C-alpha cells in the first residue's frame, strides 16, 4: 500500500492482528536522517514509548511488534517525515508530541492514509517560523491564547507555558495586533535586598527575569529585542513596577505567578486596558512565598473559573517537553502529593475498641 506521503507499506495488518512487521520507505537518506535523529535516538525513543522494535537501513525502517503499536509507530514516523520535509530535524520533544498526536487521532489503521495536516495548533514568528504544539495541553493552550483576552496556564516546569506565551506575544506584535510587549515576574527573592546589590535597577532584577529574556531571543533577533527595549516597544520588569499603570494595546505576560500575593495578583489583573491581552503562568506547587502566605495564582484561578473572557489551561507531568527524566521526576512528585492527599486522616478521640 502506498501512503499519501510517499511511505510504502509492505504489510497492511488490521488492529486485530496479534503481531506484524511493517517496512516503511522514507523519501531519501537525508529525510531519514532528520527523522531518525542523531545515532537513531528518535527511533530508540519510539521503541521505548510504544514497545516496538525499529530497525533502520538507509531510508528504510522495519517496525516489529503488536499490530496496534506498530501502526502507532508508523503514524509517528509519518508525522516526523512531514516535518522533515520542511527542513526541520525531529527532536525528542517532537517524537513525544507526534506520539500524543497519534493517540488523539485514534485510528491507527485507516483504510486510506489521512491527508497530511496539522492536528495540533501552531505559532508562527519571523525568526522561529512555525512552532507546533507537542502535546494536547499545549494545543489547547494555543487555542485559548487566540480565543480569550485573559488566559491562566498552571502546571509543572518544562511544559512550555512561558516559552509558548512569549512566542504568542511576539506573533501578536509582528501581526500588529498589539503595539508593545510587557513581560513581568515577581522578584520574590530580591525583596528589600535589592538595594544592596550592585548596579542599576535593571542589573539588579535581571537574574530573576533571565528566563523571559532567553525565551524572547528565541523568537526575535537579539538586535530587535534590544531596539525594542530602548524604544519601549518591549518592556521586561518586576511585578512591583506594574502598580498604578493602565496597560493598553499590549500583550502582558506574568510569569512565575505562583510567587505573587493575592494583593499583587489583583493589582496586576486590574491593569488590563483597551485592546490588550494578558497571560498568567505558574506552578502552584512551587511557590517561594513565606510560609502561611497564600498564592495569588491559586486564588485567582479559583475565583475566575467560568468567568466570561477568561481561559484556563492545566498542564501535568505528561506535558513535560524537557529531558525525559524531568517528566519522570515531576511524575514522582505528583504521585507523592496524591498519596498524601488521598491518605485517610487519623480519627482522633477514639479508643482502641472504637468507643469515644
C-alpha atoms as a PDB file:
ATOM      1  CA  UNK A   1       0.000   0.000   0.000  1.00  0.00           C
ATOM      2  CA  UNK A   2       1.349   3.431  -0.928  1.00  0.00           C
ATOM      3  CA  UNK A   3       0.718   6.144   1.622  1.00  0.00           C
ATOM      4  CA  UNK A   4      -0.068   9.770   0.771  1.00  0.00           C
ATOM      5  CA  UNK A   5       3.336  10.983   1.987  1.00  0.00           C
ATOM      6  CA  UNK A   6       5.283   8.563  -0.220  1.00  0.00           C
ATOM      7  CA  UNK A   7       5.918   5.999   2.502  1.00  0.00           C
ATOM      8  CA  UNK A   8       5.495   2.415   1.324  1.00  0.00           C
ATOM      9  CA  UNK A   9       3.932  -0.310   3.429  1.00  0.00           C
ATOM     10  CA  UNK A  10       4.689  -3.936   2.640  1.00  0.00           C
ATOM     11  CA  UNK A  11       2.133  -5.323   5.076  1.00  0.00           C
ATOM     12  CA  UNK A  12      -1.200  -3.785   5.969  1.00  0.00           C
ATOM     13  CA  UNK A  13      -2.369  -5.566   9.129  1.00  0.00           C
ATOM     14  CA  UNK A  14      -5.611  -4.834  10.877  1.00  0.00           C
ATOM     15  CA  UNK A  15      -5.994  -3.914  14.522  1.00  0.00           C
ATOM     16  CA  UNK A  16      -6.930  -7.479  15.469  1.00  0.00           C
ATOM     17  CA  UNK A  17      -3.606  -8.950  14.295  1.00  0.00           C
ATOM     18  CA  UNK A  18      -1.504 -10.158  17.204  1.00  0.00           C
ATOM     19  CA  UNK A  19       1.822  -9.005  15.749  1.00  0.00           C
ATOM     20  CA  UNK A  20       3.178  -7.747  12.453  1.00  0.00           C
ATOM     21  CA  UNK A  21       6.194  -6.444  10.548  1.00  0.00           C
ATOM     22  CA  UNK A  22       5.894  -3.167   8.624  1.00  0.00           C
ATOM     23  CA  UNK A  23       8.567  -1.812   6.280  1.00  0.00           C
ATOM     24  CA  UNK A  24       8.427   1.919   5.604  1.00  0.00           C
ATOM     25  CA  UNK A  25      10.479   3.739   2.963  1.00  0.00           C
ATOM     26  CA  UNK A  26      11.071   7.441   3.549  1.00  0.00           C
ATOM     27  CA  UNK A  27      11.754   9.926   0.737  1.00  0.00           C
ATOM     28  CA  UNK A  28      15.562   9.726   0.804  1.00  0.00           C
ATOM     29  CA  UNK A  29      18.515   9.245   3.138  1.00  0.00           C
ATOM     30  CA  UNK A  30      18.600  12.929   4.098  1.00  0.00           C
ATOM     31  CA  UNK A  31      14.967  12.873   5.205  1.00  0.00           C
ATOM     32  CA  UNK A  32      15.543   9.591   7.018  1.00  0.00           C
ATOM     33  CA  UNK A  33      18.499  11.067   8.894  1.00  0.00           C
ATOM     34  CA  UNK A  34      16.368  14.001  10.073  1.00  0.00           C
ATOM     35  CA  UNK A  35      13.576  11.654  11.146  1.00  0.00           C
ATOM     36  CA  UNK A  36      15.719   9.008  12.833  1.00  0.00           C
ATOM     37  CA  UNK A  37      17.776  11.533  14.822  1.00  0.00           C
ATOM     38  CA  UNK A  38      21.409  11.550  15.909  1.00  0.00           C
ATOM     39  CA  UNK A  39      22.562   7.943  16.292  1.00  0.00           C
ATOM     40  CA  UNK A  40      18.905   6.919  15.730  1.00  0.00           C
ATOM     41  CA  UNK A  41      17.905   8.428  19.085  1.00  0.00           C
ATOM     42  CA  UNK A  42      14.388   9.191  17.838  1.00  0.00           C
ATOM     43  CA  UNK A  43      13.862   5.562  16.869  1.00  0.00           C
ATOM     44  CA  UNK A  44      15.085   4.482  20.296  1.00  0.00           C
ATOM     45  CA  UNK A  45      12.564   6.864  21.881  1.00  0.00           C
ATOM     46  CA  UNK A  46       9.716   5.414  19.802  1.00  0.00           C
ATOM     47  CA  UNK A  47      10.788   1.876  20.740  1.00  0.00           C
ATOM     48  CA  UNK A  48      10.788   2.724  24.439  1.00  0.00           C
ATOM     49  CA  UNK A  49       7.486   4.601  24.414  1.00  0.00           C
ATOM     50  CA  UNK A  50       5.494   2.261  22.121  1.00  0.00           C
ATOM     51  CA  UNK A  51       7.144  -1.097  22.926  1.00  0.00           C
ATOM     52  CA  UNK A  52       8.097  -1.918  19.344  1.00  0.00           C
ATOM     53  CA  UNK A  53      11.375  -2.787  17.623  1.00  0.00           C
ATOM     54  CA  UNK A  54      12.634  -0.496  14.836  1.00  0.00           C
ATOM     55  CA  UNK A  55      15.485  -1.480  12.508  1.00  0.00           C
ATOM     56  CA  UNK A  56      16.804   1.245  10.206  1.00  0.00           C
ATOM     57  CA  UNK A  57      18.695   0.644   6.970  1.00  0.00           C
ATOM     58  CA  UNK A  58      19.299   3.648   4.745  1.00  0.00           C
ATOM     59  CA  UNK A  59      15.949   5.333   4.203  1.00  0.00           C
ATOM     60  CA  UNK A  60      14.024   2.195   5.240  1.00  0.00           C
ATOM     61  CA  UNK A  61      12.839   1.243   8.701  1.00  0.00           C
ATOM     62  CA  UNK A  62      11.282  -2.071   9.712  1.00  0.00           C
ATOM     63  CA  UNK A  63       8.723  -1.937  12.532  1.00  0.00           C
ATOM     64  CA  UNK A  64       8.133  -5.117  14.532  1.00  0.00           C
ATOM     65  CA  UNK A  65       5.597  -5.514  17.298  1.00  0.00           C
ATOM     66  CA  UNK A  66       1.896  -5.827  18.155  1.00  0.00           C
ATOM     67  CA  UNK A  67      -0.321  -4.575  15.345  1.00  0.00           C
ATOM     68  CA  UNK A  68      -1.726  -1.601  17.229  1.00  0.00           C
ATOM     69  CA  UNK A  69       1.672  -0.433  18.491  1.00  0.00           C
ATOM     70  CA  UNK A  70       3.239  -0.946  15.051  1.00  0.00           C
ATOM     71  CA  UNK A  71       0.507   1.146  13.450  1.00  0.00           C
ATOM     72  CA  UNK A  72       1.045   3.835  16.065  1.00  0.00           C
ATOM     73  CA  UNK A  73       4.781   3.861  15.320  1.00  0.00           C
ATOM     74  CA  UNK A  74       4.063   4.097  11.585  1.00  0.00           C
ATOM     75  CA  UNK A  75       1.911   7.192  12.047  1.00  0.00           C
ATOM     76  CA  UNK A  76       4.544   8.775  14.308  1.00  0.00           C
ATOM     77  CA  UNK A  77       7.185   8.292  11.607  1.00  0.00           C
ATOM     78  CA  UNK A  78       4.813   9.767   9.006  1.00  0.00           C
ATOM     79  CA  UNK A  79       4.312  12.893  11.096  1.00  0.00           C
ATOM     80  CA  UNK A  80       8.051  13.266  11.665  1.00  0.00           C
ATOM     81  CA  UNK A  81       8.642  12.786   7.933  1.00  0.00           C
ATOM     82  CA  UNK A  82       6.161  15.567   7.126  1.00  0.00           C
ATOM     83  CA  UNK A  83       8.088  17.891   9.431  1.00  0.00           C
ATOM     84  CA  UNK A  84      11.458  16.864   7.997  1.00  0.00           C
ATOM     85  CA  UNK A  85      10.291  17.913   4.523  1.00  0.00           C
ATOM     86  CA  UNK A  86      10.074  21.490   5.793  1.00  0.00           C
ATOM     87  CA  UNK A  87      13.772  21.309   6.731  1.00  0.00           C
ATOM     88  CA  UNK A  88      13.372  20.890  10.492  1.00  0.00           C
ATOM     89  CA  UNK A  89      15.154  17.906  12.086  1.00  0.00           C
ATOM     90  CA  UNK A  90      12.941  15.998  14.507  1.00  0.00           C
ATOM     91  CA  UNK A  91      13.855  16.324  18.183  1.00  0.00           C
ATOM     92  CA  UNK A  92      12.973  14.023  21.065  1.00  0.00           C
ATOM     93  CA  UNK A  93      10.271  16.504  22.029  1.00  0.00           C
ATOM     94  CA  UNK A  94       8.843  16.275  18.507  1.00  0.00           C
ATOM     95  CA  UNK A  95       8.725  12.491  18.900  1.00  0.00           C
ATOM     96  CA  UNK A  96       6.748  12.785  22.139  1.00  0.00           C
ATOM     97  CA  UNK A  97       4.402  15.279  20.524  1.00  0.00           C
ATOM     98  CA  UNK A  98       3.832  13.030  17.498  1.00  0.00           C
ATOM     99  CA  UNK A  99       3.035  10.102  19.790  1.00  0.00           C
ATOM    100  CA  UNK A 100       0.412  12.161  21.619  1.00  0.00           C
ATOM    101  CA  UNK A 101      -0.974  13.478  18.333  1.00  0.00           C
ATOM    102  CA  UNK A 102      -1.434   9.927  17.036  1.00  0.00           C
ATOM    103  CA  UNK A 103      -3.137   8.936  20.273  1.00  0.00           C
ATOM    104  CA  UNK A 104      -5.659  11.768  19.777  1.00  0.00           C
ATOM    105  CA  UNK A 105      -6.339  10.763  16.171  1.00  0.00           C
ATOM    106  CA  UNK A 106      -7.143   7.271  17.389  1.00  0.00           C
ATOM    107  CA  UNK A 107      -7.474   5.492  14.041  1.00  0.00           C
ATOM    108  CA  UNK A 108      -4.109   3.769  13.611  1.00  0.00           C
ATOM    109  CA  UNK A 109      -5.066   1.684  10.585  1.00  0.00           C
ATOM    110  CA  UNK A 110      -7.117   3.953   8.274  1.00  0.00           C
ATOM    111  CA  UNK A 111      -8.351   2.461   5.038  1.00  0.00           C
ATOM    112  CA  UNK A 112      -6.837   5.445   3.292  1.00  0.00           C
ATOM    113  CA  UNK A 113      -3.932   7.451   4.580  1.00  0.00           C
ATOM    114  CA  UNK A 114      -5.176  10.719   6.056  1.00  0.00           C
ATOM    115  CA  UNK A 115      -4.233  13.856   4.198  1.00  0.00           C
ATOM    116  CA  UNK A 116      -1.210  15.481   5.836  1.00  0.00           C
ATOM    117  CA  UNK A 117      -2.355  18.297   8.019  1.00  0.00           C
ATOM    118  CA  UNK A 118      -1.510  19.640  11.459  1.00  0.00           C
ATOM    119  CA  UNK A 119      -3.751  18.275  14.161  1.00  0.00           C
ATOM    120  CA  UNK A 120      -2.031  20.496  16.707  1.00  0.00           C
ATOM    121  CA  UNK A 121      -2.069  24.297  16.528  1.00  0.00           C
ATOM    122  CA  UNK A 122       0.965  26.406  15.560  1.00  0.00           C
ATOM    123  CA  UNK A 123       2.530  29.728  16.467  1.00  0.00           C
ATOM    124  CA  UNK A 124       4.469  31.490  13.695  1.00  0.00           C
ATOM    125  CA  UNK A 125       7.111  34.183  14.104  1.00  0.00           C
ATOM    126  CA  UNK A 126       9.600  35.607  11.604  1.00  0.00           C
ATOM    127  CA  UNK A 127      12.666  34.159  13.301  1.00  0.00           C
ATOM    128  CA  UNK A 128      11.312  30.823  14.503  1.00  0.00           C
ATOM    129  CA  UNK A 129       8.883  30.050  11.718  1.00  0.00           C
ATOM    130  CA  UNK A 130       6.046  27.685  12.590  1.00  0.00           C
ATOM    131  CA  UNK A 131       6.232  26.367  16.151  1.00  0.00           C
ATOM    132  CA  UNK A 132       3.859  23.468  16.615  1.00  0.00           C
ATOM    133  CA  UNK A 133       2.275  22.265  19.858  1.00  0.00           C
ATOM    134  CA  UNK A 134       3.752  18.990  21.060  1.00  0.00           C
ATOM    135  CA  UNK A 135       1.054  17.889  23.491  1.00  0.00           C
ATOM    136  CA  UNK A 136      -2.725  18.095  23.751  1.00  0.00           C
ATOM    137  CA  UNK A 137      -2.413  20.619  26.594  1.00  0.00           C
ATOM    138  CA  UNK A 138      -0.102  22.817  24.521  1.00  0.00           C
ATOM    139  CA  UNK A 139      -2.575  22.606  21.639  1.00  0.00           C
ATOM    140  CA  UNK A 140      -5.395  23.738  23.945  1.00  0.00           C
ATOM    141  CA  UNK A 141      -3.128  26.469  25.340  1.00  0.00           C
ATOM    142  CA  UNK A 142      -2.520  27.981  21.886  1.00  0.00           C
ATOM    143  CA  UNK A 143      -6.253  27.820  21.109  1.00  0.00           C
ATOM    144  CA  UNK A 144      -7.098  29.555  24.397  1.00  0.00           C
ATOM    145  CA  UNK A 145      -4.471  32.254  23.779  1.00  0.00           C
ATOM    146  CA  UNK A 146      -6.143  33.075  20.479  1.00  0.00           C
ATOM    147  CA  UNK A 147      -9.657  32.981  21.896  1.00  0.00           C
ATOM    148  CA  UNK A 148      -9.506  34.823  25.236  1.00  0.00           C
ATOM    149  CA  UNK A 149      -8.223  38.170  26.462  1.00  0.00           C
ATOM    150  CA  UNK A 150      -7.003  36.656  29.727  1.00  0.00           C
ATOM    151  CA  UNK A 151      -5.503  33.147  29.974  1.00  0.00           C
ATOM    152  CA  UNK A 152      -4.223  31.278  33.034  1.00  0.00           C
ATOM    153  CA  UNK A 153      -1.748  28.432  32.472  1.00  0.00           C
ATOM    154  CA  UNK A 154      -0.845  26.351  35.527  1.00  0.00           C
ATOM    155  CA  UNK A 155       1.379  23.309  35.711  1.00  0.00           C
ATOM    156  CA  UNK A 156       4.874  21.952  36.358  1.00  0.00           C
ATOM    157  CA  UNK A 157       8.148  23.210  34.944  1.00  0.00           C
ATOM    158  CA  UNK A 158       9.133  22.112  31.468  1.00  0.00           C
ATOM    159  CA  UNK A 159       5.672  22.132  29.890  1.00  0.00           C
ATOM    160  CA  UNK A 160       6.304  25.171  27.655  1.00  0.00           C
ATOM    161  CA  UNK A 161       3.979  27.590  29.466  1.00  0.00           C
ATOM    162  CA  UNK A 162       6.334  30.586  29.365  1.00  0.00           C
ATOM    163  CA  UNK A 163       8.005  29.797  26.055  1.00  0.00           C
ATOM    164  CA  UNK A 164       4.727  29.472  24.134  1.00  0.00           C
ATOM    165  CA  UNK A 165       3.317  32.564  25.843  1.00  0.00           C
ATOM    166  CA  UNK A 166       6.320  34.627  24.719  1.00  0.00           C
ATOM    167  CA  UNK A 167       6.038  33.168  21.211  1.00  0.00           C
ATOM    168  CA  UNK A 168       2.349  34.086  21.050  1.00  0.00           C
ATOM    169  CA  UNK A 169       3.116  37.587  22.324  1.00  0.00           C
ATOM    170  CA  UNK A 170       5.804  38.097  19.669  1.00  0.00           C
ATOM    171  CA  UNK A 171       3.437  36.850  16.940  1.00  0.00           C
ATOM    172  CA  UNK A 172       0.792  39.373  18.060  1.00  0.00           C
ATOM    173  CA  UNK A 173       3.382  42.151  17.930  1.00  0.00           C
ATOM    174  CA  UNK A 174       4.568  41.176  14.456  1.00  0.00           C
ATOM    175  CA  UNK A 175       0.968  40.987  13.196  1.00  0.00           C
ATOM    176  CA  UNK A 176       0.222  44.462  14.536  1.00  0.00           C
ATOM    177  CA  UNK A 177      -2.478  43.124  16.879  1.00  0.00           C
ATOM    178  CA  UNK A 178      -0.693  44.836  19.791  1.00  0.00           C
ATOM    179  CA  UNK A 179       1.748  47.734  19.958  1.00  0.00           C
ATOM    180  CA  UNK A 180       4.054  46.521  22.718  1.00  0.00           C
ATOM    181  CA  UNK A 181       5.027  43.596  24.913  1.00  0.00           C
ATOM    182  CA  UNK A 182       5.190  43.784  28.689  1.00  0.00           C
ATOM    183  CA  UNK A 183       6.796  40.761  30.336  1.00  0.00           C
ATOM    184  CA  UNK A 184       6.919  40.508  34.114  1.00  0.00           C
ATOM    185  CA  UNK A 185       7.856  38.247  37.025  1.00  0.00           C
ATOM    186  CA  UNK A 186       7.642  38.674  40.796  1.00  0.00           C
ATOM    187  CA  UNK A 187      11.196  39.239  42.096  1.00  0.00           C
ATOM    188  CA  UNK A 188      10.419  37.409  45.335  1.00  0.00           C
ATOM    189  CA  UNK A 189      13.939  36.541  46.359  1.00  0.00           C
ATOM    190  CA  UNK A 190      15.155  40.128  45.925  1.00  0.00           C
ATOM    191  CA  UNK A 191      12.682  41.771  48.294  1.00  0.00           C
ATOM    192  CA  UNK A 192      14.219  44.610  50.265  1.00  0.00           C
ATOM    193  CA  UNK A 193      17.716  43.332  49.491  1.00  0.00           C
ATOM    194  CA  UNK A 194      17.639  44.867  46.001  1.00  0.00           C
ATOM    195  CA  UNK A 195      19.278  47.986  47.336  1.00  0.00           C
ATOM    196  CA  UNK A 196      22.342  46.034  48.477  1.00  0.00           C
ATOM    197  CA  UNK A 197      23.010  44.524  45.039  1.00  0.00           C
ATOM    198  CA  UNK A 198      25.474  46.297  42.706  1.00  0.00           C
ATOM    199  CA  UNK A 199      24.350  48.092  39.556  1.00  0.00           C
ATOM    200  CA  UNK A 200      21.244  49.968  38.483  1.00  0.00           C
ATOM    201  CA  UNK A 201      17.700  48.619  38.855  1.00  0.00           C
ATOM    202  CA  UNK A 202      17.809  46.675  35.573  1.00  0.00           C
ATOM    203  CA  UNK A 203      21.049  44.946  36.573  1.00  0.00           C
ATOM    204  CA  UNK A 204      19.596  44.081  39.985  1.00  0.00           C
ATOM    205  CA  UNK A 205      16.470  42.378  38.675  1.00  0.00           C
ATOM    206  CA  UNK A 206      17.943  40.820  35.514  1.00  0.00           C
ATOM    207  CA  UNK A 207      18.794  37.491  37.226  1.00  0.00           C
ATOM    208  CA  UNK A 208      15.120  36.991  38.106  1.00  0.00           C
ATOM    209  CA  UNK A 209      13.937  37.882  34.599  1.00  0.00           C
ATOM    210  CA  UNK A 210      16.602  35.989  32.623  1.00  0.00           C
ATOM    211  CA  UNK A 211      14.250  33.117  31.559  1.00  0.00           C
ATOM    212  CA  UNK A 212      11.969  35.671  29.880  1.00  0.00           C
ATOM    213  CA  UNK A 213      14.917  37.265  28.037  1.00  0.00           C
ATOM    214  CA  UNK A 214      16.006  33.816  26.846  1.00  0.00           C
ATOM    215  CA  UNK A 215      12.536  32.975  25.521  1.00  0.00           C
ATOM    216  CA  UNK A 216      12.241  36.395  23.881  1.00  0.00           C
ATOM    217  CA  UNK A 217      15.500  35.947  21.988  1.00  0.00           C
ATOM    218  CA  UNK A 218      14.337  32.532  20.792  1.00  0.00           C
ATOM    219  CA  UNK A 219      11.582  34.280  18.821  1.00  0.00           C
ATOM    220  CA  UNK A 220      13.222  37.608  17.910  1.00  0.00           C
ATOM    221  CA  UNK A 221      16.601  38.698  16.645  1.00  0.00           C
ATOM    222  CA  UNK A 222      18.688  39.968  19.604  1.00  0.00           C
ATOM    223  CA  UNK A 223      19.191  43.326  17.871  1.00  0.00           C
ATOM    224  CA  UNK A 224      15.427  43.732  17.515  1.00  0.00           C
ATOM    225  CA  UNK A 225      14.959  42.837  21.175  1.00  0.00           C
ATOM    226  CA  UNK A 226      17.499  45.454  22.247  1.00  0.00           C
ATOM    227  CA  UNK A 227      15.983  48.087  19.940  1.00  0.00           C
ATOM    228  CA  UNK A 228      12.506  47.250  21.204  1.00  0.00           C
ATOM    229  CA  UNK A 229      13.597  47.670  24.814  1.00  0.00           C
ATOM    230  CA  UNK A 230      15.228  51.011  24.028  1.00  0.00           C
ATOM    231  CA  UNK A 231      12.088  52.348  22.328  1.00  0.00           C
ATOM    232  CA  UNK A 232       9.686  50.932  24.937  1.00  0.00           C
ATOM    233  CA  UNK A 233       8.067  48.518  22.484  1.00  0.00           C
ATOM    234  CA  UNK A 234       9.322  45.694  24.717  1.00  0.00           C
ATOM    235  CA  UNK A 235       9.395  46.008  28.485  1.00  0.00           C
ATOM    236  CA  UNK A 236      10.706  43.418  30.925  1.00  0.00           C
ATOM    237  CA  UNK A 237      10.072  44.462  34.503  1.00  0.00           C
ATOM    238  CA  UNK A 238       9.382  43.120  38.009  1.00  0.00           C
ATOM    239  CA  UNK A 239       5.747  42.812  39.033  1.00  0.00           C
ATOM    240  CA  UNK A 240       6.082  45.671  41.517  1.00  0.00           C
ATOM    241  CA  UNK A 241       6.588  48.088  38.606  1.00  0.00           C
ATOM    242  CA  UNK A 242       3.068  47.413  37.298  1.00  0.00           C
ATOM    243  CA  UNK A 243       1.296  49.280  40.106  1.00  0.00           C
ATOM    244  CA  UNK A 244      -0.657  52.368  39.083  1.00  0.00           C
ATOM    245  CA  UNK A 245      -0.462  51.713  35.335  1.00  0.00           C
ATOM    246  CA  UNK A 246      -3.108  51.047  32.674  1.00  0.00           C
ATOM    247  CA  UNK A 247      -1.716  48.728  30.003  1.00  0.00           C
ATOM    248  CA  UNK A 248      -3.483  49.391  26.703  1.00  0.00           C
ATOM    249  CA  UNK A 249      -2.825  47.832  23.268  1.00  0.00           C
ATOM    250  CA  UNK A 250      -0.287  45.479  24.774  1.00  0.00           C
ATOM    251  CA  UNK A 251       0.311  41.789  25.346  1.00  0.00           C
ATOM    252  CA  UNK A 252       1.129  41.417  29.029  1.00  0.00           C
ATOM    253  CA  UNK A 253       2.703  38.261  30.472  1.00  0.00           C
ATOM    254  CA  UNK A 254       3.067  37.489  34.168  1.00  0.00           C
ATOM    255  CA  UNK A 255       5.403  34.526  34.620  1.00  0.00           C
ATOM    256  CA  UNK A 256       6.063  32.559  37.855  1.00  0.00           C
ATOM    257  CA  UNK A 257       2.737  33.938  39.067  1.00  0.00           C
ATOM    258  CA  UNK A 258       2.614  31.466  41.975  1.00  0.00           C
ATOM    259  CA  UNK A 259       5.005  33.883  43.729  1.00  0.00           C
ATOM    260  CA  UNK A 260       2.528  36.770  43.522  1.00  0.00           C
ATOM    261  CA  UNK A 261       0.470  37.507  46.619  1.00  0.00           C
ATOM    262  CA  UNK A 262      -3.294  37.938  46.480  1.00  0.00           C
ATOM    263  CA  UNK A 263      -2.895  41.724  46.566  1.00  0.00           C
ATOM    264  CA  UNK A 264      -0.277  41.694  43.804  1.00  0.00           C
ATOM    265  CA  UNK A 265      -2.378  39.429  41.596  1.00  0.00           C
ATOM    266  CA  UNK A 266      -5.450  41.638  41.926  1.00  0.00           C
ATOM    267  CA  UNK A 267      -3.291  44.672  41.162  1.00  0.00           C
ATOM    268  CA  UNK A 268      -1.854  43.015  38.055  1.00  0.00           C
ATOM    269  CA  UNK A 269      -5.158  41.751  36.655  1.00  0.00           C
ATOM    270  CA  UNK A 270      -6.767  45.169  37.009  1.00  0.00           C
ATOM    271  CA  UNK A 271      -4.033  46.739  34.814  1.00  0.00           C
ATOM    272  CA  UNK A 272      -5.713  45.278  31.703  1.00  0.00           C
ATOM    273  CA  UNK A 273      -6.541  48.101  29.307  1.00  0.00           C
ATOM    274  CA  UNK A 274      -8.298  48.553  25.980  1.00  0.00           C
ATOM    275  CA  UNK A 275      -7.003  46.324  23.186  1.00  0.00           C
ATOM    276  CA  UNK A 276      -4.733  44.297  25.475  1.00  0.00           C
ATOM    277  CA  UNK A 277      -4.187  40.597  26.153  1.00  0.00           C
ATOM    278  CA  UNK A 278      -2.966  39.051  29.409  1.00  0.00           C
ATOM    279  CA  UNK A 279      -1.264  35.703  30.034  1.00  0.00           C
ATOM    280  CA  UNK A 280      -0.614  34.423  33.559  1.00  0.00           C
ATOM    281  CA  UNK A 281       1.599  31.362  34.016  1.00  0.00           C
ATOM    282  CA  UNK A 282       2.950  29.500  37.026  1.00  0.00           C
ATOM    283  CA  UNK A 283       3.253  26.312  39.035  1.00  0.00           C
ATOM    284  CA  UNK A 284       1.091  26.451  42.181  1.00  0.00           C
ATOM    285  CA  UNK A 285       3.159  23.647  43.759  1.00  0.00           C
ATOM    286  CA  UNK A 286       6.429  25.635  43.676  1.00  0.00           C
ATOM    287  CA  UNK A 287       5.704  28.867  45.497  1.00  0.00           C
ATOM    288  CA  UNK A 288       8.571  30.790  47.094  1.00  0.00           C
ATOM    289  CA  UNK A 289       6.265  32.891  49.254  1.00  0.00           C
ATOM    290  CA  UNK A 290       6.831  32.873  53.042  1.00  0.00           C
ATOM    291  CA  UNK A 291       5.073  30.094  54.989  1.00  0.00           C
ATOM    292  CA  UNK A 292       1.414  30.913  55.541  1.00  0.00           C
ATOM    293  CA  UNK A 293       1.298  33.388  52.630  1.00  0.00           C
ATOM    294  CA  UNK A 294      -1.405  32.427  50.116  1.00  0.00           C
ATOM    295  CA  UNK A 295      -0.510  32.293  46.427  1.00  0.00           C
ATOM    296  CA  UNK A 296      -2.397  34.813  44.328  1.00  0.00           C
ATOM    297  CA  UNK A 297      -2.302  32.456  41.341  1.00  0.00           C
ATOM    298  CA  UNK A 298      -4.239  29.639  43.014  1.00  0.00           C
ATOM    299  CA  UNK A 299      -6.823  32.063  44.371  1.00  0.00           C
ATOM    300  CA  UNK A 300      -7.275  33.835  41.023  1.00  0.00           C
ATOM    301  CA  UNK A 301      -7.774  30.555  39.173  1.00  0.00           C
ATOM    302  CA  UNK A 302     -10.438  29.563  41.711  1.00  0.00           C
ATOM    303  CA  UNK A 303     -12.225  32.930  41.772  1.00  0.00           C
ATOM    304  CA  UNK A 304     -12.229  33.467  37.993  1.00  0.00           C
ATOM    305  CA  UNK A 305     -13.199  29.941  36.957  1.00  0.00           C
ATOM    306  CA  UNK A 306     -16.083  30.145  34.489  1.00  0.00           C
ATOM    307  CA  UNK A 307     -15.819  33.916  34.090  1.00  0.00           C
ATOM    308  CA  UNK A 308     -16.593  35.065  30.549  1.00  0.00           C
ATOM    309  CA  UNK A 309     -13.490  36.066  28.611  1.00  0.00           C
ATOM    310  CA  UNK A 310     -11.072  34.055  30.770  1.00  0.00           C
ATOM    311  CA  UNK A 311      -9.326  30.888  29.580  1.00  0.00           C
ATOM    312  CA  UNK A 312      -7.776  28.206  31.801  1.00  0.00           C
ATOM    313  CA  UNK A 313      -5.247  25.506  30.888  1.00  0.00           C
ATOM    314  CA  UNK A 314      -3.797  22.953  33.312  1.00  0.00           C
ATOM    315  CA  UNK A 315      -0.624  21.047  32.463  1.00  0.00           C
ATOM    316  CA  UNK A 316       0.587  17.809  34.092  1.00  0.00           C
ATOM    317  CA  UNK A 317       3.701  15.640  34.031  1.00  0.00           C
ATOM    318  CA  UNK A 318       2.678  14.066  30.695  1.00  0.00           C
ATOM    319  CA  UNK A 319       3.087  17.511  29.091  1.00  0.00           C
ATOM    320  CA  UNK A 320       6.728  17.972  30.135  1.00  0.00           C
ATOM    321  CA  UNK A 321       8.776  18.524  26.964  1.00  0.00           C
ATOM    322  CA  UNK A 322      12.231  18.800  28.508  1.00  0.00           C
ATOM    323  CA  UNK A 323      14.518  15.848  29.196  1.00  0.00           C
ATOM    324  CA  UNK A 324      12.569  12.618  29.655  1.00  0.00           C
ATOM    325  CA  UNK A 325      13.974  12.360  33.188  1.00  0.00           C
ATOM    326  CA  UNK A 326      12.252  15.661  34.071  1.00  0.00           C
ATOM    327  CA  UNK A 327       8.918  14.074  33.141  1.00  0.00           C
ATOM    328  CA  UNK A 328       9.602  11.161  35.485  1.00  0.00           C
ATOM    329  CA  UNK A 329      10.764  13.454  38.312  1.00  0.00           C
ATOM    330  CA  UNK A 330       7.619  15.572  38.053  1.00  0.00           C
ATOM    331  CA  UNK A 331       5.512  12.412  37.937  1.00  0.00           C
ATOM    332  CA  UNK A 332       7.155  11.094  41.120  1.00  0.00           C
ATOM    333  CA  UNK A 333       6.439  14.318  43.000  1.00  0.00           C
ATOM    334  CA  UNK A 334       2.842  14.453  41.786  1.00  0.00           C
ATOM    335  CA  UNK A 335       2.278  10.813  42.751  1.00  0.00           C
ATOM    336  CA  UNK A 336       3.631  11.511  46.250  1.00  0.00           C
ATOM    337  CA  UNK A 337       1.338  14.526  46.563  1.00  0.00           C
ATOM    338  CA  UNK A 338      -1.661  12.421  45.535  1.00  0.00           C
ATOM    339  CA  UNK A 339      -0.827   9.773  48.113  1.00  0.00           C
ATOM    340  CA  UNK A 340      -0.657  12.372  50.850  1.00  0.00           C
ATOM    341  CA  UNK A 341      -3.937  13.932  49.711  1.00  0.00           C
ATOM    342  CA  UNK A 342      -5.741  10.585  49.495  1.00  0.00           C
ATOM    343  CA  UNK A 343      -4.408   9.130  52.756  1.00  0.00           C
ATOM    344  CA  UNK A 344      -7.200   8.753  55.361  1.00  0.00           C
ATOM    345  CA  UNK A 345      -6.886  11.151  58.245  1.00  0.00           C
ATOM    346  CA  UNK A 346      -6.486   9.608  61.705  1.00  0.00           C
ATOM    347  CA  UNK A 347      -9.715   9.511  63.690  1.00  0.00           C
ATOM    348  CA  UNK A 348      -8.987  11.458  66.825  1.00  0.00           C
ATOM    349  CA  UNK A 349     -10.758  10.857  70.113  1.00  0.00           C
ATOM    350  CA  UNK A 350     -11.253   7.087  69.671  1.00  0.00           C
ATOM    351  CA  UNK A 351     -10.114   4.279  71.978  1.00  0.00           C
ATOM    352  CA  UNK A 352      -8.719   1.014  70.612  1.00  0.00           C
ATOM    353  CA  UNK A 353     -12.120  -0.622  70.884  1.00  0.00           C
ATOM    354  CA  UNK A 354     -13.652   2.171  68.782  1.00  0.00           C
ATOM    355  CA  UNK A 355     -15.507   3.879  71.670  1.00  0.00           C
ATOM    356  CA  UNK A 356     -15.251   7.591  72.218  1.00  0.00           C
END
